[in-house]
Amino acid sequence: GLMQQAAVFDCKVMQGELDHLTLLLHGDGEVTRVQGDAVLAWNIEPGANAGERRLVVRFNEAQKNQFKLLVQTQTPLGAFPQTAEAMQLQPEGATRFAGYFRIVNEGAVRLEVVQARGLSQVSPEQFPETDETKEAFRAGGAQRFVYRFSGADFALRIQADQILPEVTVSELFAYHLGETEQSIDAEIELDIREAP
């Protein structure tokens, strides 16, 4: 019932200095955490248009070269099956904005990507793993989808459905009755599919 997102931003200031960074938030959900060595404070402000929001991250000192940010969000979902749009975080005024999405299921949930506008699907092995991504993103999940984007104009819609486990039981019993004893030998074979 909860879609969690973790976004790792690897930012570079080409010229000048930056005392804050503004991220435009598109879609439902809420920001739960913003982390980084240079982060002093963060807050959510209303955007220029109706329904838009902006995440303003202030730095403890002006950034002149490279810095990293981790932004975590979550979106509550209703009863399954459910379709939800991934929350988009877009840096305001960025010269270049590109990266990857990795979608991973957790528990007995089946995922399907129903819309990936402005994204191109790549092999899951092409997702760039770093120490930050390994720490931020859980490695679990049987389903993995990876998409690459090279601009801010994209949309990602995901459908989630609950997996119903399928259990097959095969039993073989042998009853032994004697004059002074009784015994039952049982051989049971379980076949569990689709879920733990």
C-alpha atoms as a PDB file:
ATOM      1  CA  GLY A   1       0.000   0.000   0.000  1.00  0.00           C
ATOM      2  CA  LEU A   2       2.979   2.352  -0.227  1.00  0.00           C
ATOM      3  CA  MET A   3       5.180   3.339  -3.166  1.00  0.00           C
ATOM      4  CA  GLN A   4       8.567   4.517  -1.948  1.00  0.00           C
ATOM      5  CA  GLN A   5      11.024   6.416  -4.120  1.00  0.00           C
ATOM      6  CA  ALA A   6      14.648   7.303  -3.486  1.00  0.00           C
ATOM      7  CA  ALA A   7      16.382   9.716  -5.864  1.00  0.00           C
ATOM      8  CA  VAL A   8      20.143  10.213  -5.848  1.00  0.00           C
ATOM      9  CA  PHE A   9      21.161  13.467  -7.555  1.00  0.00           C
ATOM     10  CA  ASP A  10      24.766  13.845  -8.672  1.00  0.00           C
ATOM     11  CA  CYS A  11      24.997  17.597  -9.320  1.00  0.00           C
ATOM     12  CA  LYS A  12      27.777  19.670 -10.849  1.00  0.00           C
ATOM     13  CA  VAL A  13      28.037  23.467 -10.865  1.00  0.00           C
ATOM     14  CA  MET A  14      29.621  24.452 -14.191  1.00  0.00           C
ATOM     15  CA  GLN A  15      30.269  28.110 -13.321  1.00  0.00           C
ATOM     16  CA  GLY A  16      29.527  30.401 -10.410  1.00  0.00           C
ATOM     17  CA  GLU A  17      28.174  29.110  -7.124  1.00  0.00           C
ATOM     18  CA  LEU A  18      24.898  27.747  -5.809  1.00  0.00           C
ATOM     19  CA  ASP A  19      23.489  28.490  -2.348  1.00  0.00           C
ATOM     20  CA  HIS A  20      20.234  26.549  -2.898  1.00  0.00           C
ATOM     21  CA  LEU A  21      18.698  24.066  -5.319  1.00  0.00           C
ATOM     22  CA  THR A  22      15.029  24.001  -6.317  1.00  0.00           C
ATOM     23  CA  LEU A  23      13.387  20.760  -7.437  1.00  0.00           C
ATOM     24  CA  LEU A  24       9.970  20.873  -9.102  1.00  0.00           C
ATOM     25  CA  LEU A  25       7.691  18.128  -7.767  1.00  0.00           C
ATOM     26  CA  HIS A  26       5.150  16.611 -10.154  1.00  0.00           C
ATOM     27  CA  GLY A  27       2.687  13.985  -8.985  1.00  0.00           C
ATOM     28  CA  ASP A  28       1.174  12.759  -5.753  1.00  0.00           C
ATOM     29  CA  GLY A  29       3.258  11.933  -2.730  1.00  0.00           C
ATOM     30  CA  GLU A  30       5.270  13.590  -0.025  1.00  0.00           C
ATOM     31  CA  VAL A  31       8.955  14.186   0.596  1.00  0.00           C
ATOM     32  CA  THR A  32      10.084  12.310   3.691  1.00  0.00           C
ATOM     33  CA  ARG A  33      13.845  12.977   3.765  1.00  0.00           C
ATOM     34  CA  VAL A  34      16.545  15.057   2.070  1.00  0.00           C
ATOM     35  CA  GLN A  35      20.167  14.117   2.824  1.00  0.00           C
ATOM     36  CA  GLY A  36      23.579  15.266   1.707  1.00  0.00           C
ATOM     37  CA  ASP A  37      26.838  16.565   3.151  1.00  0.00           C
ATOM     38  CA  ALA A  38      26.014  20.122   2.047  1.00  0.00           C
ATOM     39  CA  VAL A  39      22.321  20.185   3.085  1.00  0.00           C
ATOM     40  CA  LEU A  40      21.447  22.780   5.720  1.00  0.00           C
ATOM     41  CA  ALA A  41      17.618  22.779   5.446  1.00  0.00           C
ATOM     42  CA  TRP A  42      14.780  21.969   3.070  1.00  0.00           C
ATOM     43  CA  ASN A  43      11.134  22.943   2.721  1.00  0.00           C
ATOM     44  CA  ILE A  44       8.178  22.546   0.359  1.00  0.00           C
ATOM     45  CA  GLU A  45       6.741  25.675  -1.280  1.00  0.00           C
ATOM     46  CA  PRO A  46       3.815  26.139  -3.654  1.00  0.00           C
ATOM     47  CA  GLY A  47       4.771  26.320  -7.326  1.00  0.00           C
ATOM     48  CA  ALA A  48       3.928  28.936  -9.964  1.00  0.00           C
ATOM     49  CA  ASN A  49       0.963  26.954 -11.347  1.00  0.00           C
ATOM     50  CA  ALA A  50      -1.945  25.432  -9.453  1.00  0.00           C
ATOM     51  CA  GLY A  51      -1.115  21.981  -8.070  1.00  0.00           C
ATOM     52  CA  GLU A  52       2.655  22.446  -8.477  1.00  0.00           C
ATOM     53  CA  ARG A  53       5.073  22.192  -5.604  1.00  0.00           C
ATOM     54  CA  ARG A  54       8.754  23.051  -5.219  1.00  0.00           C
ATOM     55  CA  LEU A  55      11.315  21.475  -2.929  1.00  0.00           C
ATOM     56  CA  VAL A  56      13.878  24.120  -1.949  1.00  0.00           C
ATOM     57  CA  VAL A  57      17.134  22.696  -0.561  1.00  0.00           C
ATOM     58  CA  ARG A  58      19.451  25.209   1.135  1.00  0.00           C
ATOM     59  CA  PHE A  59      23.165  24.476   1.494  1.00  0.00           C
ATOM     60  CA  ASN A  60      25.411  25.121   4.497  1.00  0.00           C
ATOM     61  CA  GLU A  61      27.878  26.837   2.151  1.00  0.00           C
ATOM     62  CA  ALA A  62      27.768  27.894  -1.491  1.00  0.00           C
ATOM     63  CA  GLN A  63      28.472  24.932  -3.788  1.00  0.00           C
ATOM     64  CA  LYS A  64      31.084  25.571  -6.477  1.00  0.00           C
ATOM     65  CA  ASN A  65      31.801  22.118  -7.928  1.00  0.00           C
ATOM     66  CA  GLN A  66      30.153  18.700  -7.354  1.00  0.00           C
ATOM     67  CA  PHE A  67      27.722  17.621  -4.658  1.00  0.00           C
ATOM     68  CA  LYS A  68      25.247  14.807  -4.043  1.00  0.00           C
ATOM     69  CA  LEU A  69      21.691  14.781  -2.728  1.00  0.00           C
ATOM     70  CA  LEU A  70      19.396  11.961  -1.657  1.00  0.00           C
ATOM     71  CA  VAL A  71      15.672  12.719  -1.745  1.00  0.00           C
ATOM     72  CA  GLN A  72      13.218  10.136  -0.424  1.00  0.00           C
ATOM     73  CA  THR A  73       9.485  10.293  -1.146  1.00  0.00           C
ATOM     74  CA  GLN A  74       6.488   8.092  -0.574  1.00  0.00           C
ATOM     75  CA  THR A  75       3.034   7.834  -2.122  1.00  0.00           C
ATOM     76  CA  PRO A  76       0.195   5.989  -0.372  1.00  0.00           C
ATOM     77  CA  LEU A  77      -1.695   3.551  -2.583  1.00  0.00           C
ATOM     78  CA  GLY A  78      -5.235   2.238  -2.265  1.00  0.00           C
ATOM     79  CA  ALA A  79      -6.422  -1.331  -2.578  1.00  0.00           C
ATOM     80  CA  PHE A  80      -4.794  -3.474  -5.280  1.00  0.00           C
ATOM     81  CA  PRO A  81      -4.886  -3.613  -8.252  1.00  0.00           C
ATOM     82  CA  GLN A  82      -3.667  -0.012  -8.382  1.00  0.00           C
ATOM     83  CA  THR A  83      -2.112   2.258 -11.007  1.00  0.00           C
ATOM     84  CA  ALA A  84       0.155   5.075  -9.829  1.00  0.00           C
ATOM     85  CA  GLU A  85       2.352   7.695 -11.439  1.00  0.00           C
ATOM     86  CA  ALA A  86       5.912   7.926 -10.193  1.00  0.00           C
ATOM     87  CA  MET A  87       6.646  11.260  -8.550  1.00  0.00           C
ATOM     88  CA  GLN A  88       8.934  13.381 -10.731  1.00  0.00           C
ATOM     89  CA  LEU A  89      11.669  15.530  -9.233  1.00  0.00           C
ATOM     90  CA  GLN A  90      13.052  17.975 -11.767  1.00  0.00           C
ATOM     91  CA  PRO A  91      15.864  20.468 -11.011  1.00  0.00           C
ATOM     92  CA  GLU A  92      14.744  23.984 -11.853  1.00  0.00           C
ATOM     93  CA  GLY A  93      16.988  25.771 -14.334  1.00  0.00           C
ATOM     94  CA  ALA A  94      19.298  22.803 -14.941  1.00  0.00           C
ATOM     95  CA  THR A  95      21.430  22.933 -18.102  1.00  0.00           C
ATOM     96  CA  ARG A  96      21.431  19.148 -18.441  1.00  0.00           C
ATOM     97  CA  PHE A  97      19.234  16.602 -16.676  1.00  0.00           C
ATOM     98  CA  ALA A  98      19.615  12.877 -17.376  1.00  0.00           C
ATOM     99  CA  GLY A  99      19.577   9.660 -15.412  1.00  0.00           C
ATOM    100  CA  TYR A 100      17.990   6.289 -14.715  1.00  0.00           C
ATOM    101  CA  PHE A 101      14.885   4.849 -13.086  1.00  0.00           C
ATOM    102  CA  ARG A 102      14.926   1.415 -11.469  1.00  0.00           C
ATOM    103  CA  ILE A 103      11.591  -0.098 -10.472  1.00  0.00           C
ATOM    104  CA  VAL A 104      11.686  -3.001  -8.001  1.00  0.00           C
ATOM    105  CA  ASN A 105       8.862  -4.882  -6.305  1.00  0.00           C
ATOM    106  CA  GLU A 106       8.808  -5.768  -2.634  1.00  0.00           C
ATOM    107  CA  GLY A 107       6.934  -8.679  -1.119  1.00  0.00           C
ATOM    108  CA  ALA A 108       4.058 -10.381  -2.911  1.00  0.00           C
ATOM    109  CA  VAL A 109       3.461  -7.559  -5.422  1.00  0.00           C
ATOM    110  CA  ARG A 110       3.534  -7.891  -9.209  1.00  0.00           C
ATOM    111  CA  LEU A 111       4.511  -4.758 -11.138  1.00  0.00           C
ATOM    112  CA  GLU A 112       3.840  -3.740 -14.711  1.00  0.00           C
ATOM    113  CA  VAL A 113       4.963  -0.524 -16.401  1.00  0.00           C
ATOM    114  CA  VAL A 114       1.933   0.723 -18.342  1.00  0.00           C
ATOM    115  CA  GLN A 115       3.368   4.044 -19.546  1.00  0.00           C
ATOM    116  CA  ALA A 116       6.980   5.121 -20.064  1.00  0.00           C
ATOM    117  CA  ARG A 117       6.832   8.334 -22.116  1.00  0.00           C
ATOM    118  CA  GLY A 118      10.224   9.946 -22.732  1.00  0.00           C
ATOM    119  CA  LEU A 119      12.042   6.906 -21.282  1.00  0.00           C
ATOM    120  CA  SER A 120      13.934   4.113 -23.000  1.00  0.00           C
ATOM    121  CA  GLN A 121      14.114   0.674 -21.385  1.00  0.00           C
ATOM    122  CA  VAL A 122      17.564  -0.822 -20.856  1.00  0.00           C
ATOM    123  CA  SER A 123      18.871  -4.031 -19.316  1.00  0.00           C
ATOM    124  CA  PRO A 124      18.780  -4.102 -15.478  1.00  0.00           C
ATOM    125  CA  GLU A 125      22.561  -4.666 -15.476  1.00  0.00           C
ATOM    126  CA  GLN A 126      23.051  -1.225 -17.064  1.00  0.00           C
ATOM    127  CA  PHE A 127      21.802   0.588 -13.950  1.00  0.00           C
ATOM    128  CA  PRO A 128      24.865   2.465 -12.615  1.00  0.00           C
ATOM    129  CA  GLU A 129      25.605   1.038  -9.159  1.00  0.00           C
ATOM    130  CA  THR A 130      27.575   3.223  -6.747  1.00  0.00           C
ATOM    131  CA  ASP A 131      28.005   3.116  -2.980  1.00  0.00           C
ATOM    132  CA  GLU A 132      25.266   5.760  -2.669  1.00  0.00           C
ATOM    133  CA  THR A 133      22.771   3.799  -4.757  1.00  0.00           C
ATOM    134  CA  LYS A 134      23.527   0.535  -2.937  1.00  0.00           C
ATOM    135  CA  GLU A 135      22.917   2.268   0.385  1.00  0.00           C
ATOM    136  CA  ALA A 136      19.777   4.120  -0.762  1.00  0.00           C
ATOM    137  CA  PHE A 137      18.078   1.412  -2.810  1.00  0.00           C
ATOM    138  CA  ARG A 138      17.137  -1.974  -1.434  1.00  0.00           C
ATOM    139  CA  ALA A 139      18.472  -4.854  -3.497  1.00  0.00           C
ATOM    140  CA  GLY A 140      15.470  -7.151  -2.969  1.00  0.00           C
ATOM    141  CA  GLY A 141      12.651  -7.872  -5.365  1.00  0.00           C
ATOM    142  CA  ALA A 142      12.178 -10.447  -8.082  1.00  0.00           C
ATOM    143  CA  GLN A 143      11.038  -7.939 -10.703  1.00  0.00           C
ATOM    144  CA  ARG A 144      13.406  -5.240 -11.967  1.00  0.00           C
ATOM    145  CA  PHE A 145      12.794  -2.699 -14.691  1.00  0.00           C
ATOM    146  CA  VAL A 146      15.374  -0.076 -15.656  1.00  0.00           C
ATOM    147  CA  TYR A 147      14.709   2.986 -17.816  1.00  0.00           C
ATOM    148  CA  ARG A 148      17.011   5.772 -18.983  1.00  0.00           C
ATOM    149  CA  PHE A 149      15.961   9.384 -19.578  1.00  0.00           C
ATOM    150  CA  SER A 150      17.811  12.303 -21.116  1.00  0.00           C
ATOM    151  CA  GLY A 151      15.480  15.212 -20.436  1.00  0.00           C
ATOM    152  CA  ALA A 152      12.820  16.494 -18.081  1.00  0.00           C
ATOM    153  CA  ASP A 153       9.849  15.594 -20.308  1.00  0.00           C
ATOM    154  CA  PHE A 154       8.954  12.082 -19.175  1.00  0.00           C
ATOM    155  CA  ALA A 155       6.149  10.209 -17.438  1.00  0.00           C
ATOM    156  CA  LEU A 156       6.178   6.837 -15.692  1.00  0.00           C
ATOM    157  CA  ARG A 157       2.994   4.995 -14.744  1.00  0.00           C
ATOM    158  CA  ILE A 158       3.174   1.710 -12.837  1.00  0.00           C
ATOM    159  CA  GLN A 159       0.457  -0.846 -12.168  1.00  0.00           C
ATOM    160  CA  ALA A 160       0.742  -2.922  -9.010  1.00  0.00           C
ATOM    161  CA  ASP A 161      -1.260  -6.017  -8.215  1.00  0.00           C
ATOM    162  CA  GLN A 162      -1.128  -8.433  -5.329  1.00  0.00           C
ATOM    163  CA  ILE A 163       0.281 -11.853  -6.112  1.00  0.00           C
ATOM    164  CA  LEU A 164      -1.913 -14.642  -4.871  1.00  0.00           C
ATOM    165  CA  PRO A 165       0.238 -17.585  -3.814  1.00  0.00           C
ATOM    166  CA  GLU A 166      -0.427 -20.916  -5.461  1.00  0.00           C
ATOM    167  CA  VAL A 167       0.063 -23.936  -3.208  1.00  0.00           C
ATOM    168  CA  THR A 168      -0.072 -27.548  -4.420  1.00  0.00           C
ATOM    169  CA  VAL A 169       0.047 -30.382  -1.894  1.00  0.00           C
ATOM    170  CA  SER A 170       0.776 -34.023  -2.741  1.00  0.00           C
ATOM    171  CA  GLU A 171       0.344 -36.520   0.100  1.00  0.00           C
ATOM    172  CA  LEU A 172       1.094 -40.203   0.465  1.00  0.00           C
ATOM    173  CA  PHE A 173       0.070 -42.033   3.651  1.00  0.00           C
ATOM    174  CA  ALA A 174       0.915 -45.577   4.726  1.00  0.00           C
ATOM    175  CA  TYR A 175      -0.972 -47.015   7.726  1.00  0.00           C
ATOM    176  CA  HIS A 176       0.622 -50.002   9.470  1.00  0.00           C
ATOM    177  CA  LEU A 177      -1.532 -51.926  11.910  1.00  0.00           C
ATOM    178  CA  GLY A 178       0.013 -54.705  13.950  1.00  0.00           C
ATOM    179  CA  GLU A 179      -1.005 -56.749  16.956  1.00  0.00           C
ATOM    180  CA  THR A 180       0.828 -54.524  19.425  1.00  0.00           C
ATOM    181  CA  GLU A 181       1.544 -51.318  17.489  1.00  0.00           C
ATOM    182  CA  GLN A 182       0.146 -48.833  15.023  1.00  0.00           C
ATOM    183  CA  SER A 183       2.170 -46.458  12.851  1.00  0.00           C
ATOM    184  CA  ILE A 184       1.487 -43.947  10.143  1.00  0.00           C
ATOM    185  CA  ASP A 185       4.148 -42.944   7.611  1.00  0.00           C
ATOM    186  CA  ALA A 186       3.350 -39.751   5.737  1.00  0.00           C
ATOM    187  CA  GLU A 187       5.165 -38.181   2.806  1.00  0.00           C
ATOM    188  CA  ILE A 188       3.993 -34.647   2.010  1.00  0.00           C
ATOM    189  CA  GLU A 189       5.300 -32.592  -0.919  1.00  0.00           C
ATOM    190  CA  LEU A 190       4.524 -28.851  -1.089  1.00  0.00           C
ATOM    191  CA  ASP A 191       4.903 -26.779  -4.255  1.00  0.00           C
ATOM    192  CA  ILE A 192       4.587 -23.025  -3.556  1.00  0.00           C
ATOM    193  CA  ARG A 193       4.550 -20.665  -6.523  1.00  0.00           C
ATOM    194  CA  GLU A 194       4.341 -16.914  -7.097  1.00  0.00           C
ATOM    195  CA  ALA A 195       4.944 -15.845  -3.476  1.00  0.00           C
ATOM    196  CA  PRO A 196       6.929 -16.879  -0.400  1.00  0.00           C
END
